[in-house]
Amino acid sequence: MTALTDVAPPRPPAATGVTRRRRRRMSTTARIAVVVVGLIVAVAVIGPFLVGDPNVGDTSRRLLAVGSPGHVFGTDGQGRDVLSRLVVGTRLSLLAGLVPVLFAAVLGTGLGMTAGLSGVWGHRTIMRTLDVFYAFPAVLLAIAIAAALGSGVSNSIIALAVILVPPVARVAETETRRLVDLDYMEAARASGASRGSIALRQVLPNVAPPVVVYCTALIGLSIVYAAGLSFLGLGVSPPTAEWGLMVSDHTQYIYSAPFLAAIPALAILIASVAFNVLGDGLRDLLDVRGEVRA
């Protein structure tokens, strides 16, 4: 007779798709990014109500150092409080990062799905047209469009949206083409479902996760691009508080008061990295290369 101690313990049941989804967790770095992004959004929403007018200055108190009484981040060359301008500028910088990406997400997903579900000629027409934008570096194309439209927040948003649509469309098109030949898509077509119904019910739920992950990372890039346009004078106009414009205004004091340019530049860096890390966390959480939802 076999001893009880010789009997191998039963193996735990294999993890199902639901169990695997429950086990997905964001990394510690991604959780920190969530906190940082939440703080940025909170500052953008309620911060301007908690600080003074960012455009009011006192020339007798110009270029105060960081930690000066009443001015935590010091004052700029016109005696304006740097903290107030940084806080108020958060709203405009975040807006310039979010709006172009939202526009690109909607239009790019629509174009990508249409190309993926179309025939050969439809696919070639859409994708070859979008490929034209890849002939130019994204930064130079954004500068050219913004220069042609003129300075201003709305024009910089349009310029950024134009350069972000092609990469989003390519992500959506690639994912759509992956789904086209799957069994459940064949079953949907065999059942007589229209192309619109297939796009909304079968394709969009599976295309949305990778697009969301990609667009989350694009927000950080959009913030950097928007700040760059403002730095070159193609974004917001003085005396509006905005991170890129703050860096541009303060470069003349780079040797006498380097903190003036360093503080908004650091804010741009933190926001960009936070959104990129958040995108990586969402990719792991959503498991964009996991099971297809039929």
C-alpha atoms as a PDB file:
ATOM      1  CA  MET A   1       0.000   0.000   0.000  1.00  0.00           C
ATOM      2  CA  THR A   2       1.268   3.441  -0.904  1.00  0.00           C
ATOM      3  CA  ALA A   3       1.900   5.737   2.020  1.00  0.00           C
ATOM      4  CA  LEU A   4      -0.102   8.883   2.256  1.00  0.00           C
ATOM      5  CA  THR A   5       3.093  10.902   2.296  1.00  0.00           C
ATOM      6  CA  ASP A   6       4.020   9.464  -1.111  1.00  0.00           C
ATOM      7  CA  VAL A   7       0.892  10.748  -2.797  1.00  0.00           C
ATOM      8  CA  ALA A   8       1.547  13.956  -4.748  1.00  0.00           C
ATOM      9  CA  PRO A   9      -0.665  16.834  -3.669  1.00  0.00           C
ATOM     10  CA  PRO A  10      -3.318  17.831  -6.172  1.00  0.00           C
ATOM     11  CA  ARG A  11      -2.306  20.565  -8.584  1.00  0.00           C
ATOM     12  CA  PRO A  12      -4.215  23.833  -8.400  1.00  0.00           C
ATOM     13  CA  PRO A  13      -6.546  24.404 -11.314  1.00  0.00           C
ATOM     14  CA  ALA A  14      -5.097  26.242 -14.264  1.00  0.00           C
ATOM     15  CA  ALA A  15      -5.700  29.957 -14.209  1.00  0.00           C
ATOM     16  CA  THR A  16      -8.589  30.955 -16.387  1.00  0.00           C
ATOM     17  CA  GLY A  17      -8.781  34.185 -18.380  1.00  0.00           C
ATOM     18  CA  VAL A  18     -10.790  35.792 -15.610  1.00  0.00           C
ATOM     19  CA  THR A  19      -8.251  34.708 -12.980  1.00  0.00           C
ATOM     20  CA  ARG A  20      -5.382  36.064 -15.053  1.00  0.00           C
ATOM     21  CA  ARG A  21      -7.183  39.368 -15.422  1.00  0.00           C
ATOM     22  CA  ARG A  22      -7.698  39.570 -11.661  1.00  0.00           C
ATOM     23  CA  ARG A  23      -4.000  38.937 -11.064  1.00  0.00           C
ATOM     24  CA  ARG A  24      -2.917  41.854 -13.240  1.00  0.00           C
ATOM     25  CA  ARG A  25      -1.616  44.697 -11.169  1.00  0.00           C
ATOM     26  CA  MET A  26       0.121  47.944 -11.912  1.00  0.00           C
ATOM     27  CA  SER A  27       3.760  48.136 -10.960  1.00  0.00           C
ATOM     28  CA  THR A  28       4.870  50.379  -8.125  1.00  0.00           C
ATOM     29  CA  THR A  29       6.314  52.829 -10.637  1.00  0.00           C
ATOM     30  CA  ALA A  30       3.006  52.993 -12.491  1.00  0.00           C
ATOM     31  CA  ARG A  31       1.143  53.600  -9.238  1.00  0.00           C
ATOM     32  CA  ILE A  32       3.463  56.488  -8.467  1.00  0.00           C
ATOM     33  CA  ALA A  33       2.751  57.832 -11.962  1.00  0.00           C
ATOM     34  CA  VAL A  34      -0.990  57.639 -11.239  1.00  0.00           C
ATOM     35  CA  VAL A  35      -0.475  59.720  -8.104  1.00  0.00           C
ATOM     36  CA  VAL A  36       1.659  62.269  -9.956  1.00  0.00           C
ATOM     37  CA  VAL A  37      -0.862  62.565 -12.796  1.00  0.00           C
ATOM     38  CA  GLY A  38      -3.661  62.929 -10.262  1.00  0.00           C
ATOM     39  CA  LEU A  39      -1.767  65.740  -8.552  1.00  0.00           C
ATOM     40  CA  ILE A  40      -1.178  67.490 -11.882  1.00  0.00           C
ATOM     41  CA  VAL A  41      -4.879  67.282 -12.723  1.00  0.00           C
ATOM     42  CA  ALA A  42      -5.835  68.512  -9.241  1.00  0.00           C
ATOM     43  CA  VAL A  43      -3.468  71.475  -9.538  1.00  0.00           C
ATOM     44  CA  ALA A  44      -4.869  72.289 -12.977  1.00  0.00           C
ATOM     45  CA  VAL A  45      -8.460  72.180 -11.736  1.00  0.00           C
ATOM     46  CA  ILE A  46      -8.337  73.843  -8.322  1.00  0.00           C
ATOM     47  CA  GLY A  47      -4.876  75.412  -8.240  1.00  0.00           C
ATOM     48  CA  PRO A  48      -5.756  78.687 -10.007  1.00  0.00           C
ATOM     49  CA  PHE A  49      -8.393  79.389  -7.316  1.00  0.00           C
ATOM     50  CA  LEU A  50      -5.814  79.069  -4.532  1.00  0.00           C
ATOM     51  CA  VAL A  51      -3.111  81.427  -5.827  1.00  0.00           C
ATOM     52  CA  GLY A  52      -3.022  85.090  -6.694  1.00  0.00           C
ATOM     53  CA  ASP A  53      -3.074  86.776 -10.081  1.00  0.00           C
ATOM     54  CA  PRO A  54      -0.051  85.412 -11.955  1.00  0.00           C
ATOM     55  CA  ASN A  55       0.291  88.568 -14.051  1.00  0.00           C
ATOM     56  CA  VAL A  56       0.601  91.019 -11.160  1.00  0.00           C
ATOM     57  CA  GLY A  57       4.199  91.914 -10.384  1.00  0.00           C
ATOM     58  CA  ASP A  58       6.251  94.226  -8.226  1.00  0.00           C
ATOM     59  CA  THR A  59       9.483  95.452  -9.793  1.00  0.00           C
ATOM     60  CA  SER A  60      10.891  96.230  -6.348  1.00  0.00           C
ATOM     61  CA  ARG A  61      10.767  92.493  -5.571  1.00  0.00           C
ATOM     62  CA  ARG A  62      12.100  91.133  -8.870  1.00  0.00           C
ATOM     63  CA  LEU A  63      14.363  88.069  -9.082  1.00  0.00           C
ATOM     64  CA  LEU A  64      13.826  86.980  -5.491  1.00  0.00           C
ATOM     65  CA  ALA A  65      15.467  83.643  -4.743  1.00  0.00           C
ATOM     66  CA  VAL A  66      13.644  80.379  -4.077  1.00  0.00           C
ATOM     67  CA  GLY A  67      12.354  80.261  -0.505  1.00  0.00           C
ATOM     68  CA  SER A  68      11.880  83.999  -0.141  1.00  0.00           C
ATOM     69  CA  PRO A  69       9.141  85.035   2.318  1.00  0.00           C
ATOM     70  CA  GLY A  70       5.806  84.977   0.518  1.00  0.00           C
ATOM     71  CA  HIS A  71       7.369  83.568  -2.666  1.00  0.00           C
ATOM     72  CA  VAL A  72       8.210  79.883  -2.325  1.00  0.00           C
ATOM     73  CA  PHE A  73       9.647  79.635  -5.854  1.00  0.00           C
ATOM     74  CA  GLY A  74      10.883  83.224  -5.951  1.00  0.00           C
ATOM     75  CA  THR A  75       9.886  85.921  -8.452  1.00  0.00           C
ATOM     76  CA  ASP A  76      10.695  86.526 -12.103  1.00  0.00           C
ATOM     77  CA  GLY A  77      12.204  89.533 -13.845  1.00  0.00           C
ATOM     78  CA  GLN A  78       8.964  91.493 -13.499  1.00  0.00           C
ATOM     79  CA  GLY A  79       8.443  90.667  -9.848  1.00  0.00           C
ATOM     80  CA  ARG A  80       5.682  88.124 -10.561  1.00  0.00           C
ATOM     81  CA  ASP A  81       5.328  85.129  -8.261  1.00  0.00           C
ATOM     82  CA  VAL A  82       6.768  82.053 -10.007  1.00  0.00           C
ATOM     83  CA  LEU A  83       4.611  79.601  -8.030  1.00  0.00           C
ATOM     84  CA  SER A  84       1.404  81.387  -9.062  1.00  0.00           C
ATOM     85  CA  ARG A  85       2.443  81.351 -12.712  1.00  0.00           C
ATOM     86  CA  LEU A  86       3.488  77.714 -12.499  1.00  0.00           C
ATOM     87  CA  VAL A  87       0.173  76.657 -10.941  1.00  0.00           C
ATOM     88  CA  VAL A  88      -1.983  78.662 -13.332  1.00  0.00           C
ATOM     89  CA  GLY A  89       0.124  77.498 -16.279  1.00  0.00           C
ATOM     90  CA  THR A  90      -0.576  73.874 -15.369  1.00  0.00           C
ATOM     91  CA  ARG A  91      -4.142  74.162 -16.654  1.00  0.00           C
ATOM     92  CA  LEU A  92      -3.106  75.496 -20.060  1.00  0.00           C
ATOM     93  CA  SER A  93      -0.210  73.067 -20.428  1.00  0.00           C
ATOM     94  CA  LEU A  94      -2.427  70.093 -19.541  1.00  0.00           C
ATOM     95  CA  LEU A  95      -5.111  71.347 -21.925  1.00  0.00           C
ATOM     96  CA  ALA A  96      -2.553  71.567 -24.719  1.00  0.00           C
ATOM     97  CA  GLY A  97      -1.552  67.993 -23.944  1.00  0.00           C
ATOM     98  CA  LEU A  98      -5.003  66.447 -23.653  1.00  0.00           C
ATOM     99  CA  VAL A  99      -7.076  68.099 -26.387  1.00  0.00           C
ATOM    100  CA  PRO A 100      -4.843  67.231 -29.368  1.00  0.00           C
ATOM    101  CA  VAL A 101      -4.572  63.624 -28.171  1.00  0.00           C
ATOM    102  CA  LEU A 102      -8.339  63.322 -27.726  1.00  0.00           C
ATOM    103  CA  PHE A 103      -8.893  64.665 -31.230  1.00  0.00           C
ATOM    104  CA  ALA A 104      -6.228  62.347 -32.637  1.00  0.00           C
ATOM    105  CA  ALA A 105      -7.699  59.372 -30.761  1.00  0.00           C
ATOM    106  CA  VAL A 106     -11.155  59.858 -32.265  1.00  0.00           C
ATOM    107  CA  LEU A 107     -10.109  60.689 -35.822  1.00  0.00           C
ATOM    108  CA  GLY A 108      -7.134  58.326 -35.896  1.00  0.00           C
ATOM    109  CA  THR A 109      -9.144  55.376 -34.579  1.00  0.00           C
ATOM    110  CA  GLY A 110     -11.874  56.015 -37.136  1.00  0.00           C
ATOM    111  CA  LEU A 111      -9.411  56.223 -40.017  1.00  0.00           C
ATOM    112  CA  GLY A 112      -7.466  53.176 -38.851  1.00  0.00           C
ATOM    113  CA  MET A 113     -10.538  51.012 -38.446  1.00  0.00           C
ATOM    114  CA  THR A 114     -11.909  52.153 -41.794  1.00  0.00           C
ATOM    115  CA  ALA A 115      -8.628  51.302 -43.499  1.00  0.00           C
ATOM    116  CA  GLY A 116      -8.436  47.927 -41.766  1.00  0.00           C
ATOM    117  CA  LEU A 117     -11.965  46.936 -42.746  1.00  0.00           C
ATOM    118  CA  SER A 118     -11.804  48.328 -46.287  1.00  0.00           C
ATOM    119  CA  GLY A 119     -10.711  46.578 -49.421  1.00  0.00           C
ATOM    120  CA  VAL A 120      -7.306  46.891 -51.009  1.00  0.00           C
ATOM    121  CA  TRP A 121      -7.903  50.255 -52.655  1.00  0.00           C
ATOM    122  CA  GLY A 122      -9.581  51.801 -49.647  1.00  0.00           C
ATOM    123  CA  HIS A 123      -6.801  50.602 -47.375  1.00  0.00           C
ATOM    124  CA  ARG A 124      -4.075  51.871 -49.679  1.00  0.00           C
ATOM    125  CA  THR A 125      -5.725  55.251 -50.180  1.00  0.00           C
ATOM    126  CA  ILE A 126      -6.095  55.979 -46.467  1.00  0.00           C
ATOM    127  CA  MET A 127      -2.758  54.616 -45.297  1.00  0.00           C
ATOM    128  CA  ARG A 128      -0.679  56.059 -48.162  1.00  0.00           C
ATOM    129  CA  THR A 129      -2.259  59.456 -47.530  1.00  0.00           C
ATOM    130  CA  LEU A 130      -1.322  59.245 -43.856  1.00  0.00           C
ATOM    131  CA  ASP A 131       2.169  58.074 -44.803  1.00  0.00           C
ATOM    132  CA  VAL A 132       2.776  61.473 -46.375  1.00  0.00           C
ATOM    133  CA  PHE A 133       2.946  62.956 -42.865  1.00  0.00           C
ATOM    134  CA  TYR A 134       5.773  60.566 -41.994  1.00  0.00           C
ATOM    135  CA  ALA A 135       7.926  62.225 -44.657  1.00  0.00           C
ATOM    136  CA  PHE A 136       8.425  65.159 -42.298  1.00  0.00           C
ATOM    137  CA  PRO A 137       9.783  65.138 -38.733  1.00  0.00           C
ATOM    138  CA  ALA A 138       6.842  65.602 -36.379  1.00  0.00           C
ATOM    139  CA  VAL A 139       8.366  68.612 -34.621  1.00  0.00           C
ATOM    140  CA  LEU A 140       9.137  70.451 -37.849  1.00  0.00           C
ATOM    141  CA  LEU A 141       5.681  69.692 -39.235  1.00  0.00           C
ATOM    142  CA  ALA A 142       4.042  71.040 -36.074  1.00  0.00           C
ATOM    143  CA  ILE A 143       6.168  74.189 -36.271  1.00  0.00           C
ATOM    144  CA  ALA A 144       5.285  74.672 -39.936  1.00  0.00           C
ATOM    145  CA  ILE A 145       1.550  74.258 -39.337  1.00  0.00           C
ATOM    146  CA  ALA A 146       1.565  76.521 -36.278  1.00  0.00           C
ATOM    147  CA  ALA A 147       3.561  79.161 -38.164  1.00  0.00           C
ATOM    148  CA  ALA A 148       1.107  79.030 -41.067  1.00  0.00           C
ATOM    149  CA  LEU A 149      -1.924  79.325 -38.797  1.00  0.00           C
ATOM    150  CA  GLY A 150      -0.416  81.939 -36.493  1.00  0.00           C
ATOM    151  CA  SER A 151       0.282  81.965 -32.772  1.00  0.00           C
ATOM    152  CA  GLY A 152      -2.416  81.053 -30.282  1.00  0.00           C
ATOM    153  CA  VAL A 153      -3.594  78.159 -28.160  1.00  0.00           C
ATOM    154  CA  SER A 154      -6.212  76.941 -30.634  1.00  0.00           C
ATOM    155  CA  ASN A 155      -3.765  76.966 -33.556  1.00  0.00           C
ATOM    156  CA  SER A 156      -1.110  75.078 -31.604  1.00  0.00           C
ATOM    157  CA  ILE A 157      -3.730  72.481 -30.629  1.00  0.00           C
ATOM    158  CA  ILE A 158      -4.686  72.059 -34.302  1.00  0.00           C
ATOM    159  CA  ALA A 159      -1.032  71.695 -35.289  1.00  0.00           C
ATOM    160  CA  LEU A 160      -0.425  69.036 -32.643  1.00  0.00           C
ATOM    161  CA  ALA A 161      -3.616  67.152 -33.496  1.00  0.00           C
ATOM    162  CA  VAL A 162      -2.576  66.939 -37.162  1.00  0.00           C
ATOM    163  CA  ILE A 163       0.785  65.338 -36.386  1.00  0.00           C
ATOM    164  CA  LEU A 164      -0.703  62.902 -33.841  1.00  0.00           C
ATOM    165  CA  VAL A 165      -3.482  61.490 -36.041  1.00  0.00           C
ATOM    166  CA  PRO A 166      -1.239  59.337 -38.334  1.00  0.00           C
ATOM    167  CA  PRO A 167       0.493  57.315 -35.560  1.00  0.00           C
ATOM    168  CA  VAL A 168      -2.819  56.682 -33.774  1.00  0.00           C
ATOM    169  CA  ALA A 169      -4.398  55.622 -37.069  1.00  0.00           C
ATOM    170  CA  ARG A 170      -1.547  53.189 -37.682  1.00  0.00           C
ATOM    171  CA  VAL A 171      -2.042  51.573 -34.272  1.00  0.00           C
ATOM    172  CA  ALA A 172      -5.786  51.203 -34.905  1.00  0.00           C
ATOM    173  CA  GLU A 173      -5.236  49.889 -38.445  1.00  0.00           C
ATOM    174  CA  THR A 174      -2.671  47.310 -37.310  1.00  0.00           C
ATOM    175  CA  GLU A 175      -4.972  45.991 -34.600  1.00  0.00           C
ATOM    176  CA  THR A 176      -7.971  45.935 -36.955  1.00  0.00           C
ATOM    177  CA  ARG A 177      -6.070  43.955 -39.579  1.00  0.00           C
ATOM    178  CA  ARG A 178      -5.115  41.448 -36.884  1.00  0.00           C
ATOM    179  CA  LEU A 179      -8.785  40.906 -36.069  1.00  0.00           C
ATOM    180  CA  VAL A 180     -10.184  40.693 -39.605  1.00  0.00           C
ATOM    181  CA  ASP A 181      -9.395  37.022 -40.227  1.00  0.00           C
ATOM    182  CA  LEU A 182     -10.301  35.688 -36.785  1.00  0.00           C
ATOM    183  CA  ASP A 183     -13.076  33.102 -36.474  1.00  0.00           C
ATOM    184  CA  TYR A 184     -15.529  35.284 -34.596  1.00  0.00           C
ATOM    185  CA  MET A 185     -15.218  37.973 -37.302  1.00  0.00           C
ATOM    186  CA  GLU A 186     -15.979  35.374 -39.958  1.00  0.00           C
ATOM    187  CA  ALA A 187     -18.995  34.286 -37.930  1.00  0.00           C
ATOM    188  CA  ALA A 188     -20.226  37.876 -37.659  1.00  0.00           C
ATOM    189  CA  ARG A 189     -19.955  38.363 -41.417  1.00  0.00           C
ATOM    190  CA  ALA A 190     -21.650  35.024 -42.080  1.00  0.00           C
ATOM    191  CA  SER A 191     -24.535  36.027 -39.821  1.00  0.00           C
ATOM    192  CA  GLY A 192     -25.243  38.984 -42.103  1.00  0.00           C
ATOM    193  CA  ALA A 193     -24.021  41.729 -39.773  1.00  0.00           C
ATOM    194  CA  SER A 194     -23.324  45.019 -41.507  1.00  0.00           C
ATOM    195  CA  ARG A 195     -19.845  46.486 -41.688  1.00  0.00           C
ATOM    196  CA  GLY A 196     -20.861  49.244 -39.289  1.00  0.00           C
ATOM    197  CA  SER A 197     -22.197  46.754 -36.761  1.00  0.00           C
ATOM    198  CA  ILE A 198     -19.021  44.683 -36.996  1.00  0.00           C
ATOM    199  CA  ALA A 199     -16.883  47.795 -36.521  1.00  0.00           C
ATOM    200  CA  LEU A 200     -18.763  48.950 -33.422  1.00  0.00           C
ATOM    201  CA  ARG A 201     -19.475  45.612 -31.742  1.00  0.00           C
ATOM    202  CA  GLN A 202     -16.540  43.383 -32.647  1.00  0.00           C
ATOM    203  CA  VAL A 203     -13.643  45.622 -33.710  1.00  0.00           C
ATOM    204  CA  LEU A 204     -13.873  48.748 -31.554  1.00  0.00           C
ATOM    205  CA  PRO A 205     -13.854  46.949 -28.151  1.00  0.00           C
ATOM    206  CA  ASN A 206     -10.610  45.208 -29.140  1.00  0.00           C
ATOM    207  CA  VAL A 207      -8.984  48.215 -30.803  1.00  0.00           C
ATOM    208  CA  ALA A 208      -9.772  50.612 -27.944  1.00  0.00           C
ATOM    209  CA  PRO A 209      -7.326  49.207 -25.309  1.00  0.00           C
ATOM    210  CA  PRO A 210      -4.120  49.557 -27.385  1.00  0.00           C
ATOM    211  CA  VAL A 211      -5.256  52.973 -28.622  1.00  0.00           C
ATOM    212  CA  VAL A 212      -5.933  54.136 -25.054  1.00  0.00           C
ATOM    213  CA  VAL A 213      -2.517  52.900 -23.910  1.00  0.00           C
ATOM    214  CA  TYR A 214      -0.770  54.578 -26.828  1.00  0.00           C
ATOM    215  CA  CYS A 215      -2.671  57.841 -26.456  1.00  0.00           C
ATOM    216  CA  THR A 216      -1.902  58.001 -22.732  1.00  0.00           C
ATOM    217  CA  ALA A 217       1.793  58.043 -23.551  1.00  0.00           C
ATOM    218  CA  LEU A 218       1.152  60.601 -26.304  1.00  0.00           C
ATOM    219  CA  ILE A 219      -0.211  63.081 -23.747  1.00  0.00           C
ATOM    220  CA  GLY A 220       3.256  63.532 -22.297  1.00  0.00           C
ATOM    221  CA  LEU A 221       4.706  64.025 -25.771  1.00  0.00           C
ATOM    222  CA  SER A 222       1.966  66.514 -26.624  1.00  0.00           C
ATOM    223  CA  ILE A 223       2.761  68.540 -23.497  1.00  0.00           C
ATOM    224  CA  VAL A 224       6.418  68.714 -24.562  1.00  0.00           C
ATOM    225  CA  TYR A 225       5.497  69.718 -28.126  1.00  0.00           C
ATOM    226  CA  ALA A 226       3.066  72.387 -26.910  1.00  0.00           C
ATOM    227  CA  ALA A 227       5.710  73.798 -24.585  1.00  0.00           C
ATOM    228  CA  GLY A 228       8.164  73.826 -27.481  1.00  0.00           C
ATOM    229  CA  LEU A 229       5.762  75.793 -29.672  1.00  0.00           C
ATOM    230  CA  SER A 230       5.237  78.323 -26.890  1.00  0.00           C
ATOM    231  CA  PHE A 231       8.989  78.542 -26.386  1.00  0.00           C
ATOM    232  CA  LEU A 232       9.362  79.476 -30.063  1.00  0.00           C
ATOM    233  CA  GLY A 233       6.576  82.051 -29.852  1.00  0.00           C
ATOM    234  CA  LEU A 234       4.078  79.944 -31.801  1.00  0.00           C
ATOM    235  CA  GLY A 235       1.864  79.009 -28.847  1.00  0.00           C
ATOM    236  CA  VAL A 236       0.330  81.212 -26.199  1.00  0.00           C
ATOM    237  CA  SER A 237       1.133  84.914 -26.141  1.00  0.00           C
ATOM    238  CA  PRO A 238       2.579  86.878 -23.204  1.00  0.00           C
ATOM    239  CA  PRO A 239       1.699  87.536 -20.441  1.00  0.00           C
ATOM    240  CA  THR A 240      -0.281  84.274 -20.316  1.00  0.00           C
ATOM    241  CA  ALA A 241       1.132  81.791 -17.819  1.00  0.00           C
ATOM    242  CA  GLU A 242       2.244  78.590 -19.564  1.00  0.00           C
ATOM    243  CA  TRP A 243       5.194  76.323 -18.871  1.00  0.00           C
ATOM    244  CA  GLY A 244       6.871  76.603 -22.270  1.00  0.00           C
ATOM    245  CA  LEU A 245       6.444  80.368 -22.367  1.00  0.00           C
ATOM    246  CA  MET A 246       7.848  80.617 -18.838  1.00  0.00           C
ATOM    247  CA  VAL A 247      11.003  78.811 -19.950  1.00  0.00           C
ATOM    248  CA  SER A 248      11.296  81.133 -22.943  1.00  0.00           C
ATOM    249  CA  ASP A 249      10.809  84.282 -20.863  1.00  0.00           C
ATOM    250  CA  HIS A 250      13.349  83.201 -18.273  1.00  0.00           C
ATOM    251  CA  THR A 251      16.227  82.154 -20.523  1.00  0.00           C
ATOM    252  CA  GLN A 252      17.625  85.685 -20.324  1.00  0.00           C
ATOM    253  CA  TYR A 253      18.220  85.099 -16.611  1.00  0.00           C
ATOM    254  CA  ILE A 254      19.812  81.688 -17.085  1.00  0.00           C
ATOM    255  CA  TYR A 255      23.109  82.813 -15.479  1.00  0.00           C
ATOM    256  CA  SER A 256      21.835  85.201 -12.809  1.00  0.00           C
ATOM    257  CA  ALA A 257      18.730  83.221 -11.762  1.00  0.00           C
ATOM    258  CA  PRO A 258      18.800  79.727 -13.327  1.00  0.00           C
ATOM    259  CA  PHE A 259      15.925  78.518 -11.131  1.00  0.00           C
ATOM    260  CA  LEU A 260      13.480  80.613 -13.179  1.00  0.00           C
ATOM    261  CA  ALA A 261      13.900  78.424 -16.259  1.00  0.00           C
ATOM    262  CA  ALA A 262      14.649  75.238 -14.328  1.00  0.00           C
ATOM    263  CA  ILE A 263      11.347  75.145 -12.405  1.00  0.00           C
ATOM    264  CA  PRO A 264       8.926  75.129 -15.397  1.00  0.00           C
ATOM    265  CA  ALA A 265      11.326  72.887 -17.344  1.00  0.00           C
ATOM    266  CA  LEU A 266      11.245  70.406 -14.462  1.00  0.00           C
ATOM    267  CA  ALA A 267       7.444  70.553 -14.440  1.00  0.00           C
ATOM    268  CA  ILE A 268       7.380  69.694 -18.154  1.00  0.00           C
ATOM    269  CA  LEU A 269       9.772  66.793 -17.564  1.00  0.00           C
ATOM    270  CA  ILE A 270       7.777  65.386 -14.632  1.00  0.00           C
ATOM    271  CA  ALA A 271       4.466  65.581 -16.513  1.00  0.00           C
ATOM    272  CA  SER A 272       5.925  63.948 -19.616  1.00  0.00           C
ATOM    273  CA  VAL A 273       7.545  61.080 -17.718  1.00  0.00           C
ATOM    274  CA  ALA A 274       4.450  60.537 -15.556  1.00  0.00           C
ATOM    275  CA  PHE A 275       2.145  60.105 -18.544  1.00  0.00           C
ATOM    276  CA  ASN A 276       4.623  57.800 -20.291  1.00  0.00           C
ATOM    277  CA  VAL A 277       4.950  55.583 -17.228  1.00  0.00           C
ATOM    278  CA  LEU A 278       1.158  55.642 -16.802  1.00  0.00           C
ATOM    279  CA  GLY A 279       0.828  54.396 -20.381  1.00  0.00           C
ATOM    280  CA  ASP A 280       3.146  51.489 -19.612  1.00  0.00           C
ATOM    281  CA  GLY A 281       1.102  50.686 -16.505  1.00  0.00           C
ATOM    282  CA  LEU A 282      -2.142  50.704 -18.471  1.00  0.00           C
ATOM    283  CA  ARG A 283      -0.583  48.401 -21.054  1.00  0.00           C
ATOM    284  CA  ASP A 284       0.172  45.828 -18.375  1.00  0.00           C
ATOM    285  CA  LEU A 285      -3.186  46.309 -16.664  1.00  0.00           C
ATOM    286  CA  LEU A 286      -5.294  46.064 -19.810  1.00  0.00           C
ATOM    287  CA  ASP A 287      -3.105  43.340 -21.319  1.00  0.00           C
ATOM    288  CA  VAL A 288      -3.557  44.762 -24.803  1.00  0.00           C
ATOM    289  CA  ARG A 289      -2.035  41.674 -26.402  1.00  0.00           C
ATOM    290  CA  GLY A 290      -4.184  39.308 -24.364  1.00  0.00           C
ATOM    291  CA  GLU A 291      -7.442  37.580 -25.207  1.00  0.00           C
ATOM    292  CA  VAL A 292      -9.713  38.999 -27.885  1.00  0.00           C
ATOM    293  CA  ARG A 293     -13.170  39.909 -26.665  1.00  0.00           C
ATOM    294  CA  ALA A 294     -15.796  38.505 -28.992  1.00  0.00           C
END
